[in-house]
Amino acid sequence: MGSVGRMKLGSQGLEVSAQGLGCMGMSASYGVPKPEADMIALIHHAINNGITFLDTANVYGPFTNEILLGKALKGMREKVELATKFGINFIGDWKVDIRGDPAYVRAACEDSLKRLQVDCIDLYYQHRIDAQVPIEVTMGELKKLIAEGKIKYIGLSEASASTIRRAHAVHPITAVQLEWSLWTRDAEKEIIPTCR
């Protein structure tokens, strides 16, 4: 396998592998969960070949994807850039609600740290925006988590250009995650120019 390059993500100093590994399909969606040993071997193969930017979320599984990564990263934490997400709160029986209140943000972060078996999350995304909580309030709590050393960088997923601007006014946003493809070009109107 050829060498995978490195790149800057955002303007705050995060450097990641140019190719990332989305881990959702390992334990949720896209069919039945895959055998744990096979997925750990896949993660190790990716890391050993330079794919060190790993992406998960608390809701994948739910929770089991972060647990899988925690097991896979034993002894390898310093080799990877780890991204996870909060904001889609699993409330049982496959029901979810969207949360961005400070108490939830903090609890979700603490729970993810435990499942991932790490002291710090490199990139922490708000998976969905809570329409009931001003983004400035959510960002205020994320800023505290950075000050405490629990997360390094903040990302948003599926956010509008206006929300990105408001969030960035509280603390710099390092990454925005959304669909941008030949089929979905809407991001080119406002979101991509806002991020640039």
Protein backbone atom coordinates (compact mmCIF):
# COMPACT_ATOMS: atom_id res chain seq x y z
CA MET A 1 0.00 0.00 0.00
CA GLY A 2 1.31 3.47 -0.84
CA SER A 3 1.98 6.13 1.74
CA VAL A 4 -1.01 8.13 2.93
CA GLY A 5 -0.19 11.82 3.16
CA ARG A 6 -0.92 14.21 6.00
CA MET A 7 -2.93 17.43 5.92
CA LYS A 8 -4.01 20.30 8.13
CA LEU A 9 -7.66 20.19 9.15
CA GLY A 10 -8.92 23.67 9.90
CA SER A 11 -6.66 26.51 10.99
CA GLN A 12 -6.14 25.68 14.67
CA GLY A 13 -3.27 23.22 14.19
CA LEU A 14 -4.91 19.80 13.88
CA GLU A 15 -3.00 17.56 11.47
CA VAL A 16 -4.59 14.31 10.26
CA SER A 17 -4.02 11.62 7.68
CA ALA A 18 -5.34 12.70 4.27
CA GLN A 19 -7.54 9.61 4.27
CA GLY A 20 -9.68 8.82 7.30
CA LEU A 21 -11.44 5.70 8.50
CA GLY A 22 -15.13 6.06 9.25
CA CYS A 23 -15.94 3.34 11.77
CA MET A 24 -19.77 3.48 11.91
CA GLY A 25 -20.29 0.43 9.68
CA MET A 26 -18.18 -1.75 11.95
CA SER A 27 -20.84 -1.95 14.64
CA ALA A 28 -23.94 -0.18 13.32
CA SER A 29 -25.79 0.38 10.05
CA TYR A 30 -24.85 -1.26 6.76
CA GLY A 31 -25.92 -4.71 7.91
CA VAL A 32 -25.18 -6.68 11.04
CA PRO A 33 -22.24 -5.74 13.31
CA LYS A 34 -18.99 -7.27 12.10
CA PRO A 35 -16.84 -9.63 14.23
CA GLU A 36 -14.92 -7.57 16.79
CA ALA A 37 -11.57 -9.29 16.16
CA ASP A 38 -11.87 -8.60 12.42
CA MET A 39 -12.67 -4.93 13.01
CA ILE A 40 -9.78 -4.49 15.45
CA ALA A 41 -7.49 -6.08 12.85
CA LEU A 42 -8.88 -3.68 10.22
CA ILE A 43 -8.27 -0.65 12.46
CA HIS A 44 -4.71 -1.81 13.15
CA HIS A 45 -4.12 -2.39 9.43
CA ALA A 46 -5.33 1.14 8.65
CA ILE A 47 -3.13 2.71 11.34
CA ASN A 48 -0.08 0.70 10.31
CA ASN A 49 -0.56 1.96 6.75
CA GLY A 50 -0.83 5.63 7.66
CA ILE A 51 -4.62 6.01 7.95
CA THR A 52 -4.65 7.52 11.43
CA PHE A 53 -7.75 9.76 11.39
CA LEU A 54 -10.51 7.64 12.96
CA ASP A 55 -14.14 8.77 13.11
CA THR A 56 -16.88 7.41 15.38
CA ALA A 57 -19.86 8.65 17.44
CA ASN A 58 -21.55 7.80 20.70
CA VAL A 59 -24.74 6.87 18.88
CA TYR A 60 -23.07 4.28 16.61
CA GLY A 61 -24.14 0.90 17.95
CA PRO A 62 -25.30 2.71 20.08
CA PHE A 63 -22.14 3.07 22.17
CA THR A 64 -20.52 -0.15 20.90
CA ASN A 65 -18.46 1.56 18.20
CA GLU A 66 -16.64 3.73 20.73
CA ILE A 67 -16.06 0.64 22.90
CA LEU A 68 -14.59 -1.16 19.87
CA LEU A 69 -12.21 1.72 19.17
CA GLY A 70 -11.21 1.83 22.83
CA LYS A 71 -10.16 -1.81 22.62
CA ALA A 72 -8.42 -1.37 19.27
CA LEU A 73 -6.42 1.67 20.39
CA LYS A 74 -4.80 0.11 23.44
CA GLY A 75 -1.11 0.92 23.09
CA MET A 76 -1.77 2.88 19.88
CA ARG A 77 -3.45 6.06 21.10
CA GLU A 78 -0.50 8.33 20.33
CA LYS A 79 -0.51 7.16 16.69
CA VAL A 80 -4.03 8.39 15.85
CA GLU A 81 -6.25 11.43 15.58
CA LEU A 82 -9.55 10.46 17.16
CA ALA A 83 -12.88 12.10 16.28
CA THR A 84 -16.19 11.32 17.92
CA LYS A 85 -19.56 13.00 18.16
CA PHE A 86 -22.32 13.87 20.62
CA GLY A 87 -25.77 15.37 20.26
CA ILE A 88 -27.91 12.44 19.16
CA ASN A 89 -29.01 11.12 22.54
CA PHE A 90 -30.08 7.47 22.57
CA ILE A 91 -33.08 7.12 24.91
CA GLY A 92 -33.85 3.44 24.37
CA ASP A 93 -36.01 1.33 22.09
CA TRP A 94 -34.16 2.89 19.11
CA LYS A 95 -35.50 6.33 19.97
CA VAL A 96 -33.29 9.41 20.06
CA ASP A 97 -33.53 13.07 20.87
CA ILE A 98 -31.20 15.90 19.90
CA ARG A 99 -29.34 17.46 22.84
CA GLY A 100 -26.93 20.35 23.15
CA ASP A 101 -27.49 21.52 26.72
CA PRO A 102 -24.34 21.92 28.84
CA ALA A 103 -25.13 19.08 31.27
CA TYR A 104 -25.65 16.64 28.40
CA VAL A 105 -22.56 17.86 26.50
CA ARG A 106 -20.37 17.27 29.56
CA ALA A 107 -21.92 13.89 30.41
CA ALA A 108 -21.66 12.71 26.79
CA CYS A 109 -17.99 13.72 26.67
CA GLU A 110 -17.20 11.95 29.96
CA ASP A 111 -19.00 8.81 28.76
CA SER A 112 -17.17 8.84 25.41
CA LEU A 113 -13.80 9.24 27.16
CA LYS A 114 -14.60 6.16 29.26
CA ARG A 115 -15.78 4.04 26.33
CA LEU A 116 -12.80 5.07 24.20
CA GLN A 117 -10.44 4.56 27.16
CA VAL A 118 -8.66 7.86 26.48
CA ASP A 119 -7.96 11.04 28.43
CA CYS A 120 -8.67 13.42 25.56
CA ILE A 121 -10.66 13.46 22.31
CA ASP A 122 -8.84 15.14 19.43
CA LEU A 123 -11.91 16.36 17.52
CA TYR A 124 -15.32 16.49 19.19
CA TYR A 125 -18.26 17.11 16.85
CA GLN A 126 -21.77 18.19 17.67
CA HIS A 127 -23.53 15.51 15.58
CA ARG A 128 -26.79 17.42 15.21
CA ILE A 129 -27.74 20.93 16.33
CA ASP A 130 -30.22 21.23 19.19
CA ALA A 131 -32.82 23.79 18.07
CA GLN A 132 -33.87 24.32 21.71
CA VAL A 133 -30.40 25.38 22.93
CA PRO A 134 -28.58 28.37 21.44
CA ILE A 135 -25.36 27.21 19.78
CA GLU A 136 -23.49 29.77 21.88
CA VAL A 137 -24.51 27.88 25.04
CA THR A 138 -23.36 24.53 23.64
CA MET A 139 -20.09 26.09 22.47
CA GLY A 140 -19.53 27.62 25.89
CA GLU A 141 -19.51 24.15 27.44
CA LEU A 142 -17.26 22.77 24.70
CA LYS A 143 -14.85 25.65 25.32
CA LYS A 144 -14.72 24.61 29.00
CA LEU A 145 -13.95 21.01 27.98
CA ILE A 146 -11.02 22.29 25.91
CA ALA A 147 -9.74 24.32 28.87
CA GLU A 148 -9.96 21.16 31.01
CA GLY A 149 -7.97 19.13 28.46
CA LYS A 150 -10.82 16.72 27.70
CA ILE A 151 -11.08 17.71 24.03
CA LYS A 152 -8.66 19.50 21.71
CA TYR A 153 -10.76 20.75 18.78
CA ILE A 154 -14.45 21.35 18.02
CA GLY A 155 -16.39 20.30 14.94
CA LEU A 156 -19.99 20.62 13.79
CA SER A 157 -22.01 18.14 11.75
CA GLU A 158 -25.01 19.05 9.61
CA ALA A 159 -24.96 22.72 10.69
CA SER A 160 -26.17 25.74 8.72
CA ALA A 161 -23.84 28.54 7.66
CA SER A 162 -25.43 30.84 10.23
CA THR A 163 -24.91 28.30 13.02
CA ILE A 164 -21.28 27.81 11.97
CA ARG A 165 -20.66 31.58 12.11
CA ARG A 166 -22.33 31.93 15.53
CA ALA A 167 -20.44 28.94 16.93
CA HIS A 168 -17.12 30.16 15.53
CA ALA A 169 -17.65 33.53 17.26
CA VAL A 170 -17.52 31.69 20.62
CA HIS A 171 -14.59 29.39 19.78
CA PRO A 172 -12.91 28.46 16.49
CA ILE A 173 -14.52 25.57 14.62
CA THR A 174 -11.92 23.17 13.22
CA ALA A 175 -14.11 20.98 11.01
CA VAL A 176 -17.60 20.77 9.55
CA GLN A 177 -18.96 17.36 8.57
CA LEU A 178 -21.74 17.12 5.98
CA GLU A 179 -22.59 15.42 2.75
CA TRP A 180 -20.93 17.07 -0.24
CA SER A 181 -21.05 14.96 -3.37
CA LEU A 182 -22.03 15.00 -7.01
CA TRP A 183 -25.61 14.38 -5.85
CA THR A 184 -25.64 16.86 -2.99
CA ARG A 185 -24.14 20.22 -3.94
CA ASP A 186 -26.16 22.50 -1.62
CA ALA A 187 -23.13 23.08 0.62
CA GLU A 188 -21.49 25.09 -2.16
CA LYS A 189 -24.01 27.93 -1.80
CA GLU A 190 -23.30 29.04 1.78
CA ILE A 191 -21.52 26.47 3.91
CA ILE A 192 -18.31 26.03 1.90
CA PRO A 193 -17.81 29.81 1.49
CA THR A 194 -18.47 30.26 5.23
CA CYS A 195 -15.86 27.65 6.12
CA ARG A 196 -13.25 29.17 3.84
